PDB file of N, CA and C in Angstrom:
ATOM      1  N   MET A   1      20.571 -81.939  66.543  1.00  0.00           N
ATOM      2  CA  MET A   1      20.171 -83.226  67.063  1.00  0.00           C
ATOM      3  C   MET A   1      21.379 -83.981  67.640  1.00  0.00           C
ATOM      4  N   ALA A   2      22.514 -83.939  66.983  1.00  0.00           N
ATOM      5  CA  ALA A   2      23.710 -84.608  67.457  1.00  0.00           C
ATOM      6  C   ALA A   2      24.205 -83.941  68.729  1.00  0.00           C
ATOM      7  N   VAL A   3      24.033 -82.643  68.840  1.00  0.00           N
ATOM      8  CA  VAL A   3      24.447 -81.917  70.025  1.00  0.00           C
ATOM      9  C   VAL A   3      23.571 -82.321  71.205  1.00  0.00           C
ATOM     10  N   THR A   4      22.278 -82.516  70.982  1.00  0.00           N
ATOM     11  CA  THR A   4      21.377 -82.903  72.057  1.00  0.00           C
ATOM     12  C   THR A   4      21.694 -84.309  72.560  1.00  0.00           C
ATOM     13  N   ARG A   5      22.047 -85.213  71.666  1.00  0.00           N
ATOM     14  CA  ARG A   5      22.402 -86.562  72.095  1.00  0.00           C
ATOM     15  C   ARG A   5      23.691 -86.539  72.919  1.00  0.00           C
ATOM     16  N   ALA A   6      24.632 -85.748  72.466  1.00  0.00           N
ATOM     17  CA  ALA A   6      25.894 -85.630  73.196  1.00  0.00           C
ATOM     18  C   ALA A   6      25.641 -85.033  74.578  1.00  0.00           C
ATOM     19  N   ASN A   7      24.782 -84.016  74.637  1.00  0.00           N
ATOM     20  CA  ASN A   7      24.441 -83.421  75.936  1.00  0.00           C
ATOM     21  C   ASN A   7      23.733 -84.420  76.837  1.00  0.00           C
ATOM     22  N   LEU A   8      22.828 -85.184  76.238  1.00  0.00           N
ATOM     23  CA  LEU A   8      22.103 -86.192  77.021  1.00  0.00           C
ATOM     24  C   LEU A   8      23.062 -87.262  77.557  1.00  0.00           C
ATOM     25  N   LEU A   9      24.009 -87.716  76.714  1.00  0.00           N
ATOM     26  CA  LEU A   9      24.992 -88.696  77.161  1.00  0.00           C
ATOM     27  C   LEU A   9      25.880 -88.112  78.257  1.00  0.00           C
ATOM     28  N   LEU A  10      26.293 -86.880  78.090  1.00  0.00           N
ATOM     29  CA  LEU A  10      27.104 -86.228  79.122  1.00  0.00           C
ATOM     30  C   LEU A  10      26.322 -86.078  80.416  1.00  0.00           C
ATOM     31  N   LEU A  11      25.042 -85.732  80.332  1.00  0.00           N
ATOM     32  CA  LEU A  11      24.199 -85.601  81.514  1.00  0.00           C
ATOM     33  C   LEU A  11      24.072 -86.949  82.226  1.00  0.00           C
ATOM     34  N   LEU A  12      23.859 -88.016  81.485  1.00  0.00           N
ATOM     35  CA  LEU A  12      23.766 -89.350  82.072  1.00  0.00           C
ATOM     36  C   LEU A  12      25.090 -89.748  82.729  1.00  0.00           C
ATOM     37  N   ALA A  13      26.214 -89.410  82.101  1.00  0.00           N
ATOM     38  CA  ALA A  13      27.517 -89.720  82.672  1.00  0.00           C
ATOM     39  C   ALA A  13      27.730 -88.957  83.977  1.00  0.00           C
ATOM     40  N   VAL A  14      27.326 -87.687  83.993  1.00  0.00           N
ATOM     41  CA  VAL A  14      27.473 -86.878  85.209  1.00  0.00           C
ATOM     42  C   VAL A  14      26.596 -87.439  86.326  1.00  0.00           C
ATOM     43  N   VAL A  15      25.355 -87.819  86.005  1.00  0.00           N
ATOM     44  CA  VAL A  15      24.445 -88.376  87.013  1.00  0.00           C
ATOM     45  C   VAL A  15      25.005 -89.697  87.543  1.00  0.00           C
ATOM     46  N   ALA A  16      25.530 -90.534  86.659  1.00  0.00           N
ATOM     47  CA  ALA A  16      26.100 -91.810  87.083  1.00  0.00           C
ATOM     48  C   ALA A  16      27.315 -91.576  87.985  1.00  0.00           C
ATOM     49  N   CYS A  17      28.161 -90.635  87.639  1.00  0.00           N
ATOM     50  CA  CYS A  17      29.325 -90.317  88.478  1.00  0.00           C
ATOM     51  C   CYS A  17      28.892 -89.784  89.843  1.00  0.00           C
ATOM     52  N   ALA A  18      27.874 -88.926  89.842  1.00  0.00           N
ATOM     53  CA  ALA A  18      27.379 -88.372  91.108  1.00  0.00           C
ATOM     54  C   ALA A  18      26.824 -89.476  91.992  1.00  0.00           C
ATOM     55  N   LEU A  19      26.081 -90.405  91.401  1.00  0.00           N
ATOM     56  CA  LEU A  19      25.562 -91.529  92.178  1.00  0.00           C
ATOM     57  C   LEU A  19      26.697 -92.404  92.706  1.00  0.00           C
ATOM     58  N   GLY A  20      27.730 -92.594  91.895  1.00  0.00           N
ATOM     59  CA  GLY A  20      28.884 -93.360  92.346  1.00  0.00           C
ATOM     60  C   GLY A  20      29.581 -92.687  93.519  1.00  0.00           C
ATOM     61  N   VAL A  21      29.724 -91.370  93.481  1.00  0.00           N
ATOM     62  CA  VAL A  21      30.360 -90.637  94.576  1.00  0.00           C
ATOM     63  C   VAL A  21      29.531 -90.762  95.844  1.00  0.00           C
ATOM     64  N   VAL A  22      28.221 -90.600  95.718  1.00  0.00           N
ATOM     65  CA  VAL A  22      27.339 -90.693  96.882  1.00  0.00           C
ATOM     66  C   VAL A  22      27.407 -92.089  97.485  1.00  0.00           C
ATOM     67  N   THR A  23      27.378 -93.106  96.637  1.00  0.00           N
ATOM     68  CA  THR A  23      27.431 -94.480  97.121  1.00  0.00           C
ATOM     69  C   THR A  23      28.754 -94.761  97.823  1.00  0.00           C
ATOM     70  N   SER A  24      29.859 -94.342  97.235  1.00  0.00           N
ATOM     71  CA  SER A  24      31.158 -94.607  97.859  1.00  0.00           C
ATOM     72  C   SER A  24      31.316 -93.837  99.168  1.00  0.00           C
ATOM     73  N   GLN A  25      30.805 -92.614  99.255  1.00  0.00           N
ATOM     74  CA  GLN A  25      30.862 -91.868 100.515  1.00  0.00           C
ATOM     75  C   GLN A  25      30.033 -92.552 101.593  1.00  0.00           C
ATOM     76  N   HIS A  26      28.870 -93.055 101.200  1.00  0.00           N
ATOM     77  CA  HIS A  26      28.020 -93.756 102.167  1.00  0.00           C
ATOM     78  C   HIS A  26      28.736 -94.999 102.699  1.00  0.00           C
ATOM     79  N   LYS A  27      29.360 -95.769 101.791  1.00  0.00           N
ATOM     80  CA  LYS A  27      30.100 -96.962 102.219  1.00  0.00           C
ATOM     81  C   LYS A  27      31.263 -96.574 103.131  1.00  0.00           C
ATOM     82  N   ALA A  28      31.968 -95.508 102.781  1.00  0.00           N
ATOM     83  CA  ALA A  28      33.099 -95.064 103.600  1.00  0.00           C
ATOM     84  C   ALA A  28      32.630 -94.667 104.990  1.00  0.00           C
ATOM     85  N   ARG A  29      31.510 -93.998 105.094  1.00  0.00           N
ATOM     86  CA  ARG A  29      30.990 -93.613 106.415  1.00  0.00           C
ATOM     87  C   ARG A  29      30.584 -94.837 107.224  1.00  0.00           C
ATOM     88  N   LYS A  30      29.935 -95.802 106.575  1.00  0.00           N
ATOM     89  CA  LYS A  30      29.559 -97.028 107.282  1.00  0.00           C
ATOM     90  C   LYS A  30      30.792 -97.765 107.788  1.00  0.00           C
ATOM     91  N   LEU A  31      31.819 -97.846 106.959  1.00  0.00           N
ATOM     92  CA  LEU A  31      33.050 -98.526 107.371  1.00  0.00           C
ATOM     93  C   LEU A  31      33.751 -97.767 108.492  1.00  0.00           C
ATOM     94  N   PHE A  32      33.698 -96.443 108.468  1.00  0.00           N
ATOM     95  CA  PHE A  32      34.309 -95.653 109.528  1.00  0.00           C
ATOM     96  C   PHE A  32      33.597 -95.881 110.855  1.00  0.00           C
ATOM     97  N   VAL A  33      32.276 -95.936 110.818  1.00  0.00           N
ATOM     98  CA  VAL A  33      31.505 -96.202 112.039  1.00  0.00           C
ATOM     99  C   VAL A  33      31.836 -97.598 112.563  1.00  0.00           C
ATOM    100  N   GLU A  34      31.937 -98.560 111.665  1.00  0.00           N
ATOM    101  CA  GLU A  34      32.287 -99.919 112.081  1.00  0.00           C
ATOM    102  C   GLU A  34      33.695 -99.965 112.672  1.00  0.00           C
ATOM    103  N   LEU A  35      34.618 -99.222 112.078  1.00  0.00           N
ATOM    104  CA  LEU A  35      35.981 -99.152 112.597  1.00  0.00           C
ATOM    105  C   LEU A  35      35.992 -98.570 114.007  1.00  0.00           C
ATOM    106  N   GLN A  36      35.225 -97.534 114.248  1.00  0.00           N
ATOM    107  CA  GLN A  36      35.163 -96.927 115.575  1.00  0.00           C
ATOM    108  C   GLN A  36      34.594 -97.916 116.599  1.00  0.00           C
ATOM    109  N   LYS A  37      33.579 -98.660 116.205  1.00  0.00           N
ATOM    110  CA  LYS A  37      33.014 -99.666 117.112  1.00  0.00           C
ATOM    111  C   LYS A  37      34.058-100.722 117.457  1.00  0.00           C
ATOM    112  N   GLU A  38      34.823-101.175 116.460  1.00  0.00           N
ATOM    113  CA  GLU A  38      35.855-102.181 116.703  1.00  0.00           C
ATOM    114  C   GLU A  38      36.952-101.639 117.611  1.00  0.00           C
ATOM    115  N   LYS A  39      37.320-100.372 117.425  1.00  0.00           N
ATOM    116  CA  LYS A  39      38.329 -99.755 118.296  1.00  0.00           C
ATOM    117  C   LYS A  39      37.822 -99.673 119.732  1.00  0.00           C
ATOM    118  N   ASP A  40      36.555 -99.311 119.901  1.00  0.00           N
ATOM    119  CA  ASP A  40      35.975 -99.260 121.245  1.00  0.00           C
ATOM    120  C   ASP A  40      35.971-100.642 121.890  1.00  0.00           C
ATOM    121  N   GLN A  41      35.619-101.639 121.107  1.00  0.00           N
ATOM    122  CA  GLN A  41      35.591-103.001 121.632  1.00  0.00           C
ATOM    123  C   GLN A  41      37.003-103.456 122.000  1.00  0.00           C
ATOM    124  N   ALA A  42      37.995-103.113 121.181  1.00  0.00           N
ATOM    125  CA  ALA A  42      39.381-103.483 121.489  1.00  0.00           C
ATOM    126  C   ALA A  42      39.834-102.815 122.778  1.00  0.00           C
ATOM    127  N   GLN A  43      39.439-101.567 122.978  1.00  0.00           N
ATOM    128  CA  GLN A  43      39.813-100.868 124.212  1.00  0.00           C
ATOM    129  C   GLN A  43      39.155-101.523 125.425  1.00  0.00           C
ATOM    130  N   GLN A  44      37.891-101.902 125.295  1.00  0.00           N
ATOM    131  CA  GLN A  44      37.208-102.587 126.389  1.00  0.00           C
ATOM    132  C   GLN A  44      37.885-103.924 126.702  1.00  0.00           C
ATOM    133  N   MET A  45      38.319-104.619 125.670  1.00  0.00           N
ATOM    134  CA  MET A  45      38.997-105.899 125.885  1.00  0.00           C
ATOM    135  C   MET A  45      40.350-105.698 126.563  1.00  0.00           C
ATOM    136  N   GLU A  46      41.051-104.621 126.231  1.00  0.00           N
ATOM    137  CA  GLU A  46      42.314-104.337 126.902  1.00  0.00           C
ATOM    138  C   GLU A  46      42.094-104.053 128.388  1.00  0.00           C
ATOM    139  N   VAL A  47      41.025-103.319 128.707  1.00  0.00           N
ATOM    140  CA  VAL A  47      40.708-103.047 130.109  1.00  0.00           C
ATOM    141  C   VAL A  47      40.387-104.349 130.827  1.00  0.00           C
ATOM    142  N   GLU A  48      39.582-105.197 130.182  1.00  0.00           N
ATOM    143  CA  GLU A  48      39.225-106.481 130.785  1.00  0.00           C
ATOM    144  C   GLU A  48      40.467-107.361 130.962  1.00  0.00           C
ATOM    145  N   TRP A  49      41.389-107.333 129.996  1.00  0.00           N
ATOM    146  CA  TRP A  49      42.619-108.114 130.101  1.00  0.00           C
ATOM    147  C   TRP A  49      43.437-107.659 131.305  1.00  0.00           C
ATOM    148  N   GLY A  50      43.539-106.356 131.505  1.00  0.00           N
ATOM    149  CA  GLY A  50      44.258-105.836 132.661  1.00  0.00           C
ATOM    150  C   GLY A  50      43.620-106.280 133.965  1.00  0.00           C
ATOM    151  N   GLN A  51      42.300-106.262 134.001  1.00  0.00           N
ATOM    152  CA  GLN A  51      41.595-106.697 135.210  1.00  0.00           C
ATOM    153  C   GLN A  51      41.824-108.182 135.462  1.00  0.00           C
ATOM    154  N   LEU A  52      41.814-108.983 134.402  1.00  0.00           N
ATOM    155  CA  LEU A  52      42.041-110.420 134.562  1.00  0.00           C
ATOM    156  C   LEU A  52      43.470-110.711 135.027  1.00  0.00           C
ATOM    157  N   GLN A  53      44.430-109.970 134.519  1.00  0.00           N
ATOM    158  CA  GLN A  53      45.807-110.161 134.973  1.00  0.00           C
ATOM    159  C   GLN A  53      45.949-109.811 136.450  1.00  0.00           C
ATOM    160  N   LEU A  54      45.300-108.732 136.855  1.00  0.00           N
ATOM    161  CA  LEU A  54      45.340-108.346 138.264  1.00  0.00           C
ATOM    162  C   LEU A  54      44.683-109.417 139.132  1.00  0.00           C
ATOM    163  N   GLU A  55      43.551-109.926 138.671  1.00  0.00           N
ATOM    164  CA  GLU A  55      42.852-110.976 139.416  1.00  0.00           C
ATOM    165  C   GLU A  55      43.706-112.238 139.511  1.00  0.00           C
ATOM    166  N   GLN A  56      44.378-112.587 138.410  1.00  0.00           N
ATOM    167  CA  GLN A  56      45.220-113.779 138.427  1.00  0.00           C
ATOM    168  C   GLN A  56      46.372-113.601 139.412  1.00  0.00           C
ATOM    169  N   SER A  57      46.982-112.437 139.422  1.00  0.00           N
ATOM    170  CA  SER A  57      48.099-112.237 140.346  1.00  0.00           C
ATOM    171  C   SER A  57      47.622-112.271 141.797  1.00  0.00           C
ATOM    172  N   THR A  58      46.401-111.828 142.036  1.00  0.00           N
ATOM    173  CA  THR A  58      45.853-111.873 143.393  1.00  0.00           C
ATOM    174  C   THR A  58      45.594-113.314 143.819  1.00  0.00           C
ATOM    175  N   TRP A  59      44.999-114.125 142.938  1.00  0.00           N
ATOM    176  CA  TRP A  59      44.683-115.511 143.271  1.00  0.00           C
ATOM    177  C   TRP A  59      45.946-116.353 143.443  1.00  0.00           C
ATOM    178  N   ALA A  60      47.023-115.982 142.744  1.00  0.00           N
ATOM    179  CA  ALA A  60      48.230-116.805 142.767  1.00  0.00           C
ATOM    180  C   ALA A  60      49.276-116.312 143.755  1.00  0.00           C
ATOM    181  N   MET A  61      48.921-115.420 144.655  1.00  0.00           N
ATOM    182  CA  MET A  61      49.891-114.929 145.631  1.00  0.00           C
ATOM    183  C   MET A  61      50.372-116.096 146.499  1.00  0.00           C
ATOM    184  N   PRO A  62      51.683-116.201 146.716  1.00  0.00           N
ATOM    185  CA  PRO A  62      52.216-117.336 147.478  1.00  0.00           C
ATOM    186  C   PRO A  62      51.613-117.459 148.883  1.00  0.00           C
ATOM    187  N   ALA A  63      51.390-116.346 149.550  1.00  0.00           N
ATOM    188  CA  ALA A  63      50.824-116.417 150.897  1.00  0.00           C
ATOM    189  C   ALA A  63      49.411-117.002 150.861  1.00  0.00           C
ATOM    190  N   ARG A  64      48.629-116.638 149.852  1.00  0.00           N
ATOM    191  CA  ARG A  64      47.266-117.158 149.719  1.00  0.00           C
ATOM    192  C   ARG A  64      47.297-118.653 149.441  1.00  0.00           C
ATOM    193  N   VAL A  65      48.173-119.064 148.518  1.00  0.00           N
ATOM    194  CA  VAL A  65      48.278-120.487 148.175  1.00  0.00           C
ATOM    195  C   VAL A  65      48.705-121.296 149.399  1.00  0.00           C
ATOM    196  N   GLU A  66      49.666-120.775 150.156  1.00  0.00           N
ATOM    197  CA  GLU A  66      50.141-121.474 151.361  1.00  0.00           C
ATOM    198  C   GLU A  66      49.031-121.575 152.406  1.00  0.00           C
ATOM    199  N   ARG A  67      48.262-120.508 152.565  1.00  0.00           N
ATOM    200  CA  ARG A  67      47.173-120.518 153.549  1.00  0.00           C
ATOM    201  C   ARG A  67      46.105-121.551 153.163  1.00  0.00           C
ATOM    202  N   ILE A  68      45.745-121.591 151.897  1.00  0.00           N
ATOM    203  CA  ILE A  68      44.725-122.559 151.450  1.00  0.00           C
ATOM    204  C   ILE A  68      45.258-123.981 151.566  1.00  0.00           C
ATOM    205  N   ALA A  69      46.543-124.172 151.232  1.00  0.00           N
ATOM    206  CA  ALA A  69      47.127-125.508 151.342  1.00  0.00           C
ATOM    207  C   ALA A  69      47.085-125.990 152.788  1.00  0.00           C
ATOM    208  N   GLY A  70      47.320-125.098 153.717  1.00  0.00           N
ATOM    209  CA  GLY A  70      47.296-125.493 155.129  1.00  0.00           C
ATOM    210  C   GLY A  70      45.897-125.732 155.648  1.00  0.00           C
ATOM    211  N   ARG A  71      44.964-124.855 155.320  1.00  0.00           N
ATOM    212  CA  ARG A  71      43.604-124.954 155.880  1.00  0.00           C
ATOM    213  C   ARG A  71      42.766-126.038 155.203  1.00  0.00           C
ATOM    214  N   GLN A  72      42.720-126.025 153.902  1.00  0.00           N
ATOM    215  CA  GLN A  72      41.808-126.921 153.196  1.00  0.00           C
ATOM    216  C   GLN A  72      42.422-128.288 152.903  1.00  0.00           C
ATOM    217  N   LEU A  73      43.716-128.305 152.611  1.00  0.00           N
ATOM    218  CA  LEU A  73      44.346-129.569 152.246  1.00  0.00           C
ATOM    219  C   LEU A  73      45.157-130.166 153.385  1.00  0.00           C
ATOM    220  N   HIS A  74      45.224-129.470 154.497  1.00  0.00           N
ATOM    221  CA  HIS A  74      45.946-129.911 155.683  1.00  0.00           C
ATOM    222  C   HIS A  74      47.413-130.239 155.345  1.00  0.00           C
ATOM    223  N   MET A  75      48.010-129.391 154.520  1.00  0.00           N
ATOM    224  CA  MET A  75      49.421-129.561 154.173  1.00  0.00           C
ATOM    225  C   MET A  75      50.259-128.712 155.118  1.00  0.00           C
ATOM    226  N   GLN A  76      51.511-129.091 155.267  1.00  0.00           N
ATOM    227  CA  GLN A  76      52.415-128.315 156.111  1.00  0.00           C
ATOM    228  C   GLN A  76      53.808-128.345 155.511  1.00  0.00           C
ATOM    229  N   MET A  77      54.625-127.378 155.889  1.00  0.00           N
ATOM    230  CA  MET A  77      55.996-127.324 155.409  1.00  0.00           C
ATOM    231  C   MET A  77      56.764-128.510 155.995  1.00  0.00           C
ATOM    232  N   PRO A  78      57.635-129.166 155.212  1.00  0.00           N
ATOM    233  CA  PRO A  78      58.413-130.293 155.733  1.00  0.00           C
ATOM    234  C   PRO A  78      59.485-129.792 156.711  1.00  0.00           C
ATOM    235  N   LYS A  79      59.788-130.617 157.656  1.00  0.00           N
ATOM    236  CA  LYS A  79      60.845-130.288 158.612  1.00  0.00           C
ATOM    237  C   LYS A  79      62.199-130.465 157.925  1.00  0.00           C
ATOM    238  N   SER A  80      63.234-129.875 158.497  1.00  0.00           N
ATOM    239  CA  SER A  80      64.539-129.890 157.836  1.00  0.00           C
ATOM    240  C   SER A  80      65.062-131.316 157.621  1.00  0.00           C
ATOM    241  N   GLY A  81      64.721-132.226 158.485  1.00  0.00           N
ATOM    242  CA  GLY A  81      65.173-133.608 158.327  1.00  0.00           C
ATOM    243  C   GLY A  81      64.426-134.354 157.238  1.00  0.00           C
ATOM    244  N   GLN A  82      63.332-133.840 156.783  1.00  0.00           N
ATOM    245  CA  GLN A  82      62.520-134.508 155.766  1.00  0.00           C
ATOM    246  C   GLN A  82      62.869-134.045 154.347  1.00  0.00           C
ATOM    247  N   ILE A  83      63.726-133.056 154.218  1.00  0.00           N
ATOM    248  CA  ILE A  83      64.046-132.490 152.909  1.00  0.00           C
ATOM    249  C   ILE A  83      65.226-133.247 152.301  1.00  0.00           C
ATOM    250  N   ARG A  84      65.089-133.649 151.046  1.00  0.00           N
ATOM    251  CA  ARG A  84      66.150-134.323 150.296  1.00  0.00           C
ATOM    252  C   ARG A  84      66.391-133.530 149.017  1.00  0.00           C
ATOM    253  N   TYR A  85      67.638-133.321 148.688  1.00  0.00           N
ATOM    254  CA  TYR A  85      68.009-132.637 147.457  1.00  0.00           C
ATOM    255  C   TYR A  85      68.445-133.671 146.435  1.00  0.00           C
ATOM    256  N   VAL A  86      67.869-133.606 145.257  1.00  0.00           N
ATOM    257  CA  VAL A  86      68.212-134.525 144.179  1.00  0.00           C
ATOM    258  C   VAL A  86      68.965-133.713 143.136  1.00  0.00           C
ATOM    259  N   ARG A  87      70.177-134.153 142.849  1.00  0.00           N
ATOM    260  CA  ARG A  87      71.007-133.442 141.886  1.00  0.00           C
ATOM    261  C   ARG A  87      71.292-134.372 140.718  1.00  0.00           C
ATOM    262  N   ILE A  88      71.102-133.876 139.504  1.00  0.00           N
ATOM    263  CA  ILE A  88      71.388-134.663 138.309  1.00  0.00           C
ATOM    264  C   ILE A  88      72.781-134.277 137.826  1.00  0.00           C
ATOM    265  N   GLU A  89      73.620-135.271 137.737  1.00  0.00           N
ATOM    266  CA  GLU A  89      75.006-135.056 137.317  1.00  0.00           C
ATOM    267  C   GLU A  89      75.064-134.886 135.810  1.00  0.00           C
ATOM    268  N   PRO A  90      76.096-134.192 135.297  1.00  0.00           N
ATOM    269  CA  PRO A  90      76.238-134.027 133.838  1.00  0.00           C
ATOM    270  C   PRO A  90      76.384-135.361 133.101  1.00  0.00           C
ATOM    271  N   THR A  91      76.878-136.363 133.786  1.00  0.00           N
ATOM    272  CA  THR A  91      77.033-137.680 133.151  1.00  0.00           C
ATOM    273  C   THR A  91      75.732-138.443 133.074  1.00  0.00           C
ATOM    274  N   GLY A  92      74.696-137.910 133.688  1.00  0.00           N
ATOM    275  CA  GLY A  92      73.397-138.566 133.661  1.00  0.00           C
ATOM    276  C   GLY A  92      73.070-139.290 134.945  1.00  0.00           C
ATOM    277  N   GLY A  93      74.007-139.347 135.873  1.00  0.00           N
ATOM    278  CA  GLY A  93      73.768-140.005 137.160  1.00  0.00           C
ATOM    279  C   GLY A  93      72.991-139.089 138.096  1.00  0.00           C
ATOM    280  N   VAL A  94      72.454-139.676 139.153  1.00  0.00           N
ATOM    281  CA  VAL A  94      71.647-138.938 140.124  1.00  0.00           C
ATOM    282  C   VAL A  94      72.272-139.129 141.485  1.00  0.00           C
ATOM    283  N   SER A  95      72.383-138.037 142.224  1.00  0.00           N
ATOM    284  CA  SER A  95      72.870-138.153 143.606  1.00  0.00           C
ATOM    285  C   SER A  95      71.856-137.502 144.530  1.00  0.00           C
ATOM    286  N   VAL A  96      71.569-138.158 145.640  1.00  0.00           N
ATOM    287  CA  VAL A  96      70.610-137.672 146.630  1.00  0.00           C
ATOM    288  C   VAL A  96      71.396-137.233 147.853  1.00  0.00           C
ATOM    289  N   GLN A  97      71.125-136.010 148.294  1.00  0.00           N
ATOM    290  CA  GLN A  97      71.814-135.487 149.473  1.00  0.00           C
ATOM    291  C   GLN A  97      70.789-135.079 150.512  1.00  0.00           C
ATOM    292  N   PRO A  98      71.108-135.300 151.775  1.00  0.00           N
ATOM    293  CA  PRO A  98      70.152-134.913 152.821  1.00  0.00           C
ATOM    294  C   PRO A  98      70.123-133.405 153.011  1.00  0.00           C
TER     295      PRO A  98
END
């Protein structure tokens, strides 16, 4: 009778351990699938970031900005006589040169 109880307890312990292994493997697989999805999303975001950087560099090209400033805002480059250079002296004074 004592041997049967010991066997029954051992059987229950083995079943509990087996269920624990199955549960932990299932969780590990779910987490692995989630990790793969996150990696895919990170890769897609890196591609999108590269595209946005390229788009930004295209929109900010100096020739494009100058063309829009001239056409839409009616701006023009100043003539040489209209340019003034402002220099800040180390002492804190300001000098204006033509």
